């Protein structure tokens, strides 16, 4: 007799290990990576990741998924523009609920057809985690499923009950790529595989050949903010978020606070 249906439905597909991803890709003659970015900042991170994978992989890499202009330059034919899912705020999302659900379904279907060795989502946890959950459900009848990787850990260190909420990632994420060093340590405390890969700002600083200059006299800080900025050529820069929706929504408040900071002397 076969196993009861109830037990068969509970048998999860096993994720490909890192070594098996390489072996499967070598056997197929290409590494297939399904990559999804739901915001402009994610588009930038994903494009760098795509370029690095292509440079480091000993076999050809083929990409599919959802991305923006920078990912398109790396050869991605996006399923739809990322602006269609980069929606901020609960009230702003309400009119788009059914549209976003349809986008998730379309993305899942495209991933199943593509048969990736790995699925990589970048930030945008609302869309990304729903995608992983649906993919996991669809792959349950398979012996093995792709490796699920999430790039940019959620800001769990700012959540209430962060460890219990973070532990739920075990259900659908195999590995987390962190941009802050302490995030890797926290993930490993709950046995969630994670790797600190560095912050994108560091890459930008290296690209611009920037070097930090430490003041020899600590008393230099004891002056007005205007004098400090004039001497060091510094400018106050604020970012309301990675998407144009967030900038539009938050810019007025940011501008008000920025004016207040500019007029406040340094301690």
C-alpha atoms as a PDB file:
ATOM      1  CA  UNK A   1       0.000   0.000   0.000  1.00  0.00           C
ATOM      2  CA  UNK A   2       1.113   3.500  -0.692  1.00  0.00           C
ATOM      3  CA  UNK A   3       1.471   6.210   1.885  1.00  0.00           C
ATOM      4  CA  UNK A   4      -1.736   8.021   2.894  1.00  0.00           C
ATOM      5  CA  UNK A   5      -2.483  11.110   0.832  1.00  0.00           C
ATOM      6  CA  UNK A   6      -2.294  13.304   3.951  1.00  0.00           C
ATOM      7  CA  UNK A   7       1.283  12.199   4.571  1.00  0.00           C
ATOM      8  CA  UNK A   8       2.257  12.513   0.917  1.00  0.00           C
ATOM      9  CA  UNK A   9       1.061  16.128   0.838  1.00  0.00           C
ATOM     10  CA  UNK A  10       3.222  16.930   3.840  1.00  0.00           C
ATOM     11  CA  UNK A  11       6.445  15.692   2.239  1.00  0.00           C
ATOM     12  CA  UNK A  12       8.329  18.858   1.310  1.00  0.00           C
ATOM     13  CA  UNK A  13      10.644  19.008  -1.645  1.00  0.00           C
ATOM     14  CA  UNK A  14      14.286  19.241  -0.627  1.00  0.00           C
ATOM     15  CA  UNK A  15      16.206  22.312  -1.704  1.00  0.00           C
ATOM     16  CA  UNK A  16      19.267  21.855  -3.863  1.00  0.00           C
ATOM     17  CA  UNK A  17      22.413  22.261  -1.786  1.00  0.00           C
ATOM     18  CA  UNK A  18      25.083  24.675  -2.977  1.00  0.00           C
ATOM     19  CA  UNK A  19      27.176  21.823  -4.337  1.00  0.00           C
ATOM     20  CA  UNK A  20      24.201  20.275  -6.094  1.00  0.00           C
ATOM     21  CA  UNK A  21      23.332  23.620  -7.687  1.00  0.00           C
ATOM     22  CA  UNK A  22      26.777  23.643  -9.279  1.00  0.00           C
ATOM     23  CA  UNK A  23      26.494  19.989 -10.289  1.00  0.00           C
ATOM     24  CA  UNK A  24      23.014  20.447 -11.779  1.00  0.00           C
ATOM     25  CA  UNK A  25      24.113  23.573 -13.656  1.00  0.00           C
ATOM     26  CA  UNK A  26      27.179  21.791 -15.039  1.00  0.00           C
ATOM     27  CA  UNK A  27      25.008  18.894 -16.139  1.00  0.00           C
ATOM     28  CA  UNK A  28      22.556  21.271 -17.856  1.00  0.00           C
ATOM     29  CA  UNK A  29      25.346  23.293 -19.451  1.00  0.00           C
ATOM     30  CA  UNK A  30      24.118  26.548 -17.887  1.00  0.00           C
ATOM     31  CA  UNK A  31      23.290  28.104 -14.521  1.00  0.00           C
ATOM     32  CA  UNK A  32      19.678  29.311 -14.494  1.00  0.00           C
ATOM     33  CA  UNK A  33      18.927  32.035 -11.962  1.00  0.00           C
ATOM     34  CA  UNK A  34      15.461  33.502 -11.511  1.00  0.00           C
ATOM     35  CA  UNK A  35      15.957  36.942  -9.966  1.00  0.00           C
ATOM     36  CA  UNK A  36      13.290  39.334  -8.698  1.00  0.00           C
ATOM     37  CA  UNK A  37      13.699  42.970  -7.624  1.00  0.00           C
ATOM     38  CA  UNK A  38      10.654  45.027  -6.683  1.00  0.00           C
ATOM     39  CA  UNK A  39      12.270  48.428  -6.131  1.00  0.00           C
ATOM     40  CA  UNK A  40      14.826  50.715  -7.779  1.00  0.00           C
ATOM     41  CA  UNK A  41      17.411  50.024  -5.061  1.00  0.00           C
ATOM     42  CA  UNK A  42      16.910  46.301  -5.597  1.00  0.00           C
ATOM     43  CA  UNK A  43      17.402  46.791  -9.329  1.00  0.00           C
ATOM     44  CA  UNK A  44      20.838  48.273  -8.616  1.00  0.00           C
ATOM     45  CA  UNK A  45      21.851  45.471  -6.238  1.00  0.00           C
ATOM     46  CA  UNK A  46      20.552  42.763  -8.547  1.00  0.00           C
ATOM     47  CA  UNK A  47      22.382  44.142 -11.576  1.00  0.00           C
ATOM     48  CA  UNK A  48      25.679  44.002  -9.667  1.00  0.00           C
ATOM     49  CA  UNK A  49      24.912  40.484  -8.513  1.00  0.00           C
ATOM     50  CA  UNK A  50      24.126  39.410 -12.082  1.00  0.00           C
ATOM     51  CA  UNK A  51      27.375  40.883 -13.382  1.00  0.00           C
ATOM     52  CA  UNK A  52      29.367  39.184 -10.607  1.00  0.00           C
ATOM     53  CA  UNK A  53      27.728  35.810 -11.169  1.00  0.00           C
ATOM     54  CA  UNK A  54      28.440  35.994 -14.879  1.00  0.00           C
ATOM     55  CA  UNK A  55      32.079  36.943 -14.204  1.00  0.00           C
ATOM     56  CA  UNK A  56      32.669  34.213 -11.602  1.00  0.00           C
ATOM     57  CA  UNK A  57      30.702  31.309 -13.045  1.00  0.00           C
ATOM     58  CA  UNK A  58      32.732  28.768 -15.041  1.00  0.00           C
ATOM     59  CA  UNK A  59      29.611  27.970 -17.083  1.00  0.00           C
ATOM     60  CA  UNK A  60      27.159  30.296 -18.888  1.00  0.00           C
ATOM     61  CA  UNK A  61      24.540  31.989 -16.705  1.00  0.00           C
ATOM     62  CA  UNK A  62      21.001  32.632 -17.896  1.00  0.00           C
ATOM     63  CA  UNK A  63      18.661  34.975 -16.055  1.00  0.00           C
ATOM     64  CA  UNK A  64      14.917  35.428 -15.967  1.00  0.00           C
ATOM     65  CA  UNK A  65      12.599  37.310 -13.615  1.00  0.00           C
ATOM     66  CA  UNK A  66      11.506  40.824 -12.739  1.00  0.00           C
ATOM     67  CA  UNK A  67      13.720  43.889 -12.747  1.00  0.00           C
ATOM     68  CA  UNK A  68      14.386  47.397 -13.899  1.00  0.00           C
ATOM     69  CA  UNK A  69      16.622  49.236 -16.310  1.00  0.00           C
ATOM     70  CA  UNK A  70      19.947  48.217 -14.753  1.00  0.00           C
ATOM     71  CA  UNK A  71      19.028  44.529 -14.713  1.00  0.00           C
ATOM     72  CA  UNK A  72      17.901  44.832 -18.332  1.00  0.00           C
ATOM     73  CA  UNK A  73      21.381  46.076 -19.214  1.00  0.00           C
ATOM     74  CA  UNK A  74      22.702  42.802 -17.798  1.00  0.00           C
ATOM     75  CA  UNK A  75      20.493  40.870 -20.182  1.00  0.00           C
ATOM     76  CA  UNK A  76      17.267  40.395 -18.217  1.00  0.00           C
ATOM     77  CA  UNK A  77      13.979  40.451 -20.126  1.00  0.00           C
ATOM     78  CA  UNK A  78      11.693  41.479 -17.287  1.00  0.00           C
ATOM     79  CA  UNK A  79       8.220  39.984 -17.028  1.00  0.00           C
ATOM     80  CA  UNK A  80       6.792  43.436 -16.227  1.00  0.00           C
ATOM     81  CA  UNK A  81       8.097  46.851 -15.051  1.00  0.00           C
ATOM     82  CA  UNK A  82       9.040  46.935 -11.362  1.00  0.00           C
ATOM     83  CA  UNK A  83       7.021  50.149 -10.955  1.00  0.00           C
ATOM     84  CA  UNK A  84       3.910  47.972 -11.084  1.00  0.00           C
ATOM     85  CA  UNK A  85       4.760  46.361  -7.724  1.00  0.00           C
ATOM     86  CA  UNK A  86       6.784  49.157  -6.035  1.00  0.00           C
ATOM     87  CA  UNK A  87       3.799  50.538  -4.134  1.00  0.00           C
ATOM     88  CA  UNK A  88       4.215  52.160  -0.727  1.00  0.00           C
ATOM     89  CA  UNK A  89       1.699  52.366   2.104  1.00  0.00           C
ATOM     90  CA  UNK A  90      -1.365  50.328   3.041  1.00  0.00           C
ATOM     91  CA  UNK A  91      -3.943  52.707   1.588  1.00  0.00           C
ATOM     92  CA  UNK A  92      -1.948  53.095  -1.622  1.00  0.00           C
ATOM     93  CA  UNK A  93      -1.795  49.302  -1.983  1.00  0.00           C
ATOM     94  CA  UNK A  94      -5.519  48.666  -1.572  1.00  0.00           C
ATOM     95  CA  UNK A  95      -6.526  49.608  -5.141  1.00  0.00           C
ATOM     96  CA  UNK A  96      -3.732  47.398  -6.475  1.00  0.00           C
ATOM     97  CA  UNK A  97      -4.264  44.242  -4.365  1.00  0.00           C
ATOM     98  CA  UNK A  98      -5.701  42.101  -7.142  1.00  0.00           C
ATOM     99  CA  UNK A  99      -3.167  43.403  -9.643  1.00  0.00           C
ATOM    100  CA  UNK A 100      -0.240  42.537  -7.349  1.00  0.00           C
ATOM    101  CA  UNK A 101      -1.702  39.084  -6.618  1.00  0.00           C
ATOM    102  CA  UNK A 102      -1.895  38.495 -10.362  1.00  0.00           C
ATOM    103  CA  UNK A 103       1.740  39.644 -10.727  1.00  0.00           C
ATOM    104  CA  UNK A 104       2.807  37.127  -8.071  1.00  0.00           C
ATOM    105  CA  UNK A 105       0.925  34.339  -9.871  1.00  0.00           C
ATOM    106  CA  UNK A 106       2.467  35.321 -13.206  1.00  0.00           C
ATOM    107  CA  UNK A 107       5.934  35.384 -11.622  1.00  0.00           C
ATOM    108  CA  UNK A 108       5.457  31.952 -10.048  1.00  0.00           C
ATOM    109  CA  UNK A 109       4.280  30.514 -13.375  1.00  0.00           C
ATOM    110  CA  UNK A 110       7.259  32.040 -15.180  1.00  0.00           C
ATOM    111  CA  UNK A 111       9.672  30.608 -12.587  1.00  0.00           C
ATOM    112  CA  UNK A 112       8.172  27.123 -12.943  1.00  0.00           C
ATOM    113  CA  UNK A 113       8.570  27.263 -16.718  1.00  0.00           C
ATOM    114  CA  UNK A 114      12.138  28.577 -16.430  1.00  0.00           C
ATOM    115  CA  UNK A 115      13.154  25.720 -14.080  1.00  0.00           C
ATOM    116  CA  UNK A 116      15.858  27.689 -12.238  1.00  0.00           C
ATOM    117  CA  UNK A 117      18.653  26.207 -10.179  1.00  0.00           C
ATOM    118  CA  UNK A 118      18.319  29.170  -7.806  1.00  0.00           C
ATOM    119  CA  UNK A 119      15.711  31.843  -7.109  1.00  0.00           C
ATOM    120  CA  UNK A 120      17.059  35.143  -5.762  1.00  0.00           C
ATOM    121  CA  UNK A 121      14.820  37.914  -4.461  1.00  0.00           C
ATOM    122  CA  UNK A 122      16.150  41.335  -3.537  1.00  0.00           C
ATOM    123  CA  UNK A 123      14.575  43.297  -0.669  1.00  0.00           C
ATOM    124  CA  UNK A 124      10.841  44.066  -1.231  1.00  0.00           C
ATOM    125  CA  UNK A 125       9.957  41.417   1.337  1.00  0.00           C
ATOM    126  CA  UNK A 126       6.181  41.680   0.870  1.00  0.00           C
ATOM    127  CA  UNK A 127       6.350  40.536  -2.750  1.00  0.00           C
ATOM    128  CA  UNK A 128       9.429  38.335  -2.304  1.00  0.00           C
ATOM    129  CA  UNK A 129       8.178  36.243   0.608  1.00  0.00           C
ATOM    130  CA  UNK A 130       4.760  35.666  -0.956  1.00  0.00           C
ATOM    131  CA  UNK A 131       6.574  34.536  -4.082  1.00  0.00           C
ATOM    132  CA  UNK A 132       8.721  32.073  -2.107  1.00  0.00           C
ATOM    133  CA  UNK A 133       5.709  30.639  -0.283  1.00  0.00           C
ATOM    134  CA  UNK A 134       3.801  30.021  -3.498  1.00  0.00           C
ATOM    135  CA  UNK A 135       6.851  28.557  -5.205  1.00  0.00           C
ATOM    136  CA  UNK A 136       7.378  26.208  -2.292  1.00  0.00           C
ATOM    137  CA  UNK A 137       3.761  25.024  -2.522  1.00  0.00           C
ATOM    138  CA  UNK A 138       4.099  24.449  -6.261  1.00  0.00           C
ATOM    139  CA  UNK A 139       7.382  22.567  -5.853  1.00  0.00           C
ATOM    140  CA  UNK A 140       6.181  20.249  -3.059  1.00  0.00           C
ATOM    141  CA  UNK A 141       5.478  17.424  -5.501  1.00  0.00           C
ATOM    142  CA  UNK A 142       9.044  17.510  -6.834  1.00  0.00           C
ATOM    143  CA  UNK A 143      11.985  15.559  -5.455  1.00  0.00           C
ATOM    144  CA  UNK A 144      14.142  18.686  -5.387  1.00  0.00           C
ATOM    145  CA  UNK A 145      13.411  22.373  -5.665  1.00  0.00           C
ATOM    146  CA  UNK A 146      15.606  25.403  -6.438  1.00  0.00           C
ATOM    147  CA  UNK A 147      17.713  27.096  -3.820  1.00  0.00           C
ATOM    148  CA  UNK A 148      15.824  30.101  -2.394  1.00  0.00           C
ATOM    149  CA  UNK A 149      18.058  33.082  -1.570  1.00  0.00           C
ATOM    150  CA  UNK A 150      16.940  36.472  -0.232  1.00  0.00           C
ATOM    151  CA  UNK A 151      19.315  39.432  -0.684  1.00  0.00           C
ATOM    152  CA  UNK A 152      19.041  42.236   1.943  1.00  0.00           C
ATOM    153  CA  UNK A 153      17.834  40.862   5.249  1.00  0.00           C
ATOM    154  CA  UNK A 154      14.597  42.354   6.593  1.00  0.00           C
ATOM    155  CA  UNK A 155      15.163  44.937   9.339  1.00  0.00           C
ATOM    156  CA  UNK A 156      14.353  42.333  11.987  1.00  0.00           C
ATOM    157  CA  UNK A 157      16.553  44.074  14.538  1.00  0.00           C
ATOM    158  CA  UNK A 158      13.952  46.875  14.566  1.00  0.00           C
ATOM    159  CA  UNK A 159      10.965  44.534  15.007  1.00  0.00           C
ATOM    160  CA  UNK A 160       9.196  43.663  18.226  1.00  0.00           C
ATOM    161  CA  UNK A 161       9.732  39.963  18.888  1.00  0.00           C
ATOM    162  CA  UNK A 162      12.370  39.975  16.175  1.00  0.00           C
ATOM    163  CA  UNK A 163      13.834  36.506  16.793  1.00  0.00           C
ATOM    164  CA  UNK A 164      10.487  34.704  16.591  1.00  0.00           C
ATOM    165  CA  UNK A 165       9.543  36.602  13.432  1.00  0.00           C
ATOM    166  CA  UNK A 166      12.933  35.984  11.881  1.00  0.00           C
ATOM    167  CA  UNK A 167      12.722  32.268  12.617  1.00  0.00           C
ATOM    168  CA  UNK A 168       9.690  32.044  10.313  1.00  0.00           C
ATOM    169  CA  UNK A 169      12.022  32.677   7.365  1.00  0.00           C
ATOM    170  CA  UNK A 170      13.174  29.081   7.820  1.00  0.00           C
ATOM    171  CA  UNK A 171       9.896  28.001   6.237  1.00  0.00           C
ATOM    172  CA  UNK A 172      10.707  29.399   2.803  1.00  0.00           C
ATOM    173  CA  UNK A 173      14.239  30.887   2.647  1.00  0.00           C
ATOM    174  CA  UNK A 174      17.391  28.761   2.380  1.00  0.00           C
ATOM    175  CA  UNK A 175      19.987  31.530   2.629  1.00  0.00           C
ATOM    176  CA  UNK A 176      20.057  35.253   3.424  1.00  0.00           C
ATOM    177  CA  UNK A 177      22.588  37.700   1.993  1.00  0.00           C
ATOM    178  CA  UNK A 178      23.104  40.487   4.549  1.00  0.00           C
ATOM    179  CA  UNK A 179      24.401  44.001   3.941  1.00  0.00           C
ATOM    180  CA  UNK A 180      25.130  44.682   7.652  1.00  0.00           C
ATOM    181  CA  UNK A 181      27.620  42.484   9.567  1.00  0.00           C
ATOM    182  CA  UNK A 182      25.552  41.988  12.739  1.00  0.00           C
ATOM    183  CA  UNK A 183      22.631  40.652  10.685  1.00  0.00           C
ATOM    184  CA  UNK A 184      24.659  37.582   9.732  1.00  0.00           C
ATOM    185  CA  UNK A 185      25.441  36.898  13.384  1.00  0.00           C
ATOM    186  CA  UNK A 186      21.777  37.165  14.416  1.00  0.00           C
ATOM    187  CA  UNK A 187      20.654  34.871  11.596  1.00  0.00           C
ATOM    188  CA  UNK A 188      23.185  32.243  12.609  1.00  0.00           C
ATOM    189  CA  UNK A 189      21.969  32.354  16.211  1.00  0.00           C
ATOM    190  CA  UNK A 190      18.710  30.834  15.027  1.00  0.00           C
ATOM    191  CA  UNK A 191      20.470  28.505  12.542  1.00  0.00           C
ATOM    192  CA  UNK A 192      19.357  30.443   9.487  1.00  0.00           C
ATOM    193  CA  UNK A 193      22.183  30.282   6.900  1.00  0.00           C
ATOM    194  CA  UNK A 194      23.405  33.796   6.129  1.00  0.00           C
ATOM    195  CA  UNK A 195      26.382  35.591   4.616  1.00  0.00           C
ATOM    196  CA  UNK A 196      27.489  39.171   5.087  1.00  0.00           C
ATOM    197  CA  UNK A 197      28.272  40.460   1.587  1.00  0.00           C
ATOM    198  CA  UNK A 198      28.877  44.155   2.320  1.00  0.00           C
ATOM    199  CA  UNK A 199      26.870  47.328   1.880  1.00  0.00           C
ATOM    200  CA  UNK A 200      26.473  48.759  -1.644  1.00  0.00           C
ATOM    201  CA  UNK A 201      27.645  52.158  -0.390  1.00  0.00           C
ATOM    202  CA  UNK A 202      31.072  50.628   0.234  1.00  0.00           C
ATOM    203  CA  UNK A 203      31.256  49.531  -3.396  1.00  0.00           C
ATOM    204  CA  UNK A 204      30.334  53.043  -4.473  1.00  0.00           C
ATOM    205  CA  UNK A 205      32.995  54.555  -2.203  1.00  0.00           C
ATOM    206  CA  UNK A 206      35.653  52.202  -3.593  1.00  0.00           C
ATOM    207  CA  UNK A 207      34.548  53.047  -7.130  1.00  0.00           C
ATOM    208  CA  UNK A 208      34.971  56.747  -6.396  1.00  0.00           C
ATOM    209  CA  UNK A 209      38.335  56.096  -4.716  1.00  0.00           C
ATOM    210  CA  UNK A 210      37.095  57.717  -1.521  1.00  0.00           C
ATOM    211  CA  UNK A 211      39.238  57.526   1.595  1.00  0.00           C
ATOM    212  CA  UNK A 212      38.040  58.553   5.058  1.00  0.00           C
ATOM    213  CA  UNK A 213      40.032  61.414   6.571  1.00  0.00           C
ATOM    214  CA  UNK A 214      40.248  61.403  10.352  1.00  0.00           C
ATOM    215  CA  UNK A 215      40.762  64.768  12.058  1.00  0.00           C
ATOM    216  CA  UNK A 216      43.961  65.068  14.094  1.00  0.00           C
ATOM    217  CA  UNK A 217      42.401  67.596  16.468  1.00  0.00           C
ATOM    218  CA  UNK A 218      39.132  66.550  18.116  1.00  0.00           C
ATOM    219  CA  UNK A 219      38.411  70.198  18.899  1.00  0.00           C
ATOM    220  CA  UNK A 220      37.589  70.679  15.212  1.00  0.00           C
ATOM    221  CA  UNK A 221      34.190  69.167  15.948  1.00  0.00           C
ATOM    222  CA  UNK A 222      33.432  71.874  18.481  1.00  0.00           C
ATOM    223  CA  UNK A 223      32.232  74.476  16.016  1.00  0.00           C
ATOM    224  CA  UNK A 224      29.195  75.404  14.001  1.00  0.00           C
ATOM    225  CA  UNK A 225      27.853  72.915  11.487  1.00  0.00           C
ATOM    226  CA  UNK A 226      28.236  75.516   8.711  1.00  0.00           C
ATOM    227  CA  UNK A 227      31.975  76.004   9.403  1.00  0.00           C
ATOM    228  CA  UNK A 228      32.503  72.237   9.498  1.00  0.00           C
ATOM    229  CA  UNK A 229      30.729  71.761   6.175  1.00  0.00           C
ATOM    230  CA  UNK A 230      32.652  74.578   4.515  1.00  0.00           C
ATOM    231  CA  UNK A 231      36.028  73.208   5.630  1.00  0.00           C
ATOM    232  CA  UNK A 232      35.362  69.621   4.644  1.00  0.00           C
ATOM    233  CA  UNK A 233      33.102  70.231   1.657  1.00  0.00           C
ATOM    234  CA  UNK A 234      30.319  68.156   3.164  1.00  0.00           C
ATOM    235  CA  UNK A 235      26.669  68.240   2.232  1.00  0.00           C
ATOM    236  CA  UNK A 236      23.723  66.842   4.150  1.00  0.00           C
ATOM    237  CA  UNK A 237      21.993  64.210   2.056  1.00  0.00           C
ATOM    238  CA  UNK A 238      18.720  62.539   2.950  1.00  0.00           C
ATOM    239  CA  UNK A 239      16.898  59.725   1.237  1.00  0.00           C
ATOM    240  CA  UNK A 240      13.194  59.200   1.649  1.00  0.00           C
ATOM    241  CA  UNK A 241      13.355  55.699   0.236  1.00  0.00           C
ATOM    242  CA  UNK A 242      14.327  53.627  -2.778  1.00  0.00           C
ATOM    243  CA  UNK A 243      11.187  54.204  -4.821  1.00  0.00           C
ATOM    244  CA  UNK A 244       9.723  57.308  -6.450  1.00  0.00           C
ATOM    245  CA  UNK A 245       6.486  56.722  -4.528  1.00  0.00           C
ATOM    246  CA  UNK A 246       8.319  57.010  -1.220  1.00  0.00           C
ATOM    247  CA  UNK A 247      10.166  60.154  -2.295  1.00  0.00           C
ATOM    248  CA  UNK A 248       6.912  61.840  -3.316  1.00  0.00           C
ATOM    249  CA  UNK A 249       5.175  60.712  -0.136  1.00  0.00           C
ATOM    250  CA  UNK A 250       7.878  61.669   2.377  1.00  0.00           C
ATOM    251  CA  UNK A 251       9.839  64.481   0.757  1.00  0.00           C
ATOM    252  CA  UNK A 252       7.985  67.417   2.362  1.00  0.00           C
ATOM    253  CA  UNK A 253       8.569  66.038   5.855  1.00  0.00           C
ATOM    254  CA  UNK A 254      12.220  65.299   5.046  1.00  0.00           C
ATOM    255  CA  UNK A 255      12.772  68.824   3.716  1.00  0.00           C
ATOM    256  CA  UNK A 256      11.364  70.345   6.917  1.00  0.00           C
ATOM    257  CA  UNK A 257      13.589  68.200   9.139  1.00  0.00           C
ATOM    258  CA  UNK A 258      16.595  68.884   6.914  1.00  0.00           C
ATOM    259  CA  UNK A 259      16.191  72.651   7.323  1.00  0.00           C
ATOM    260  CA  UNK A 260      16.015  72.171  11.076  1.00  0.00           C
ATOM    261  CA  UNK A 261      19.223  70.117  11.108  1.00  0.00           C
ATOM    262  CA  UNK A 262      21.053  72.617   8.931  1.00  0.00           C
ATOM    263  CA  UNK A 263      20.321  75.387  11.431  1.00  0.00           C
ATOM    264  CA  UNK A 264      21.362  73.327  14.481  1.00  0.00           C
ATOM    265  CA  UNK A 265      24.993  73.782  15.696  1.00  0.00           C
ATOM    266  CA  UNK A 266      27.070  70.647  16.211  1.00  0.00           C
ATOM    267  CA  UNK A 267      27.590  69.718  19.859  1.00  0.00           C
END
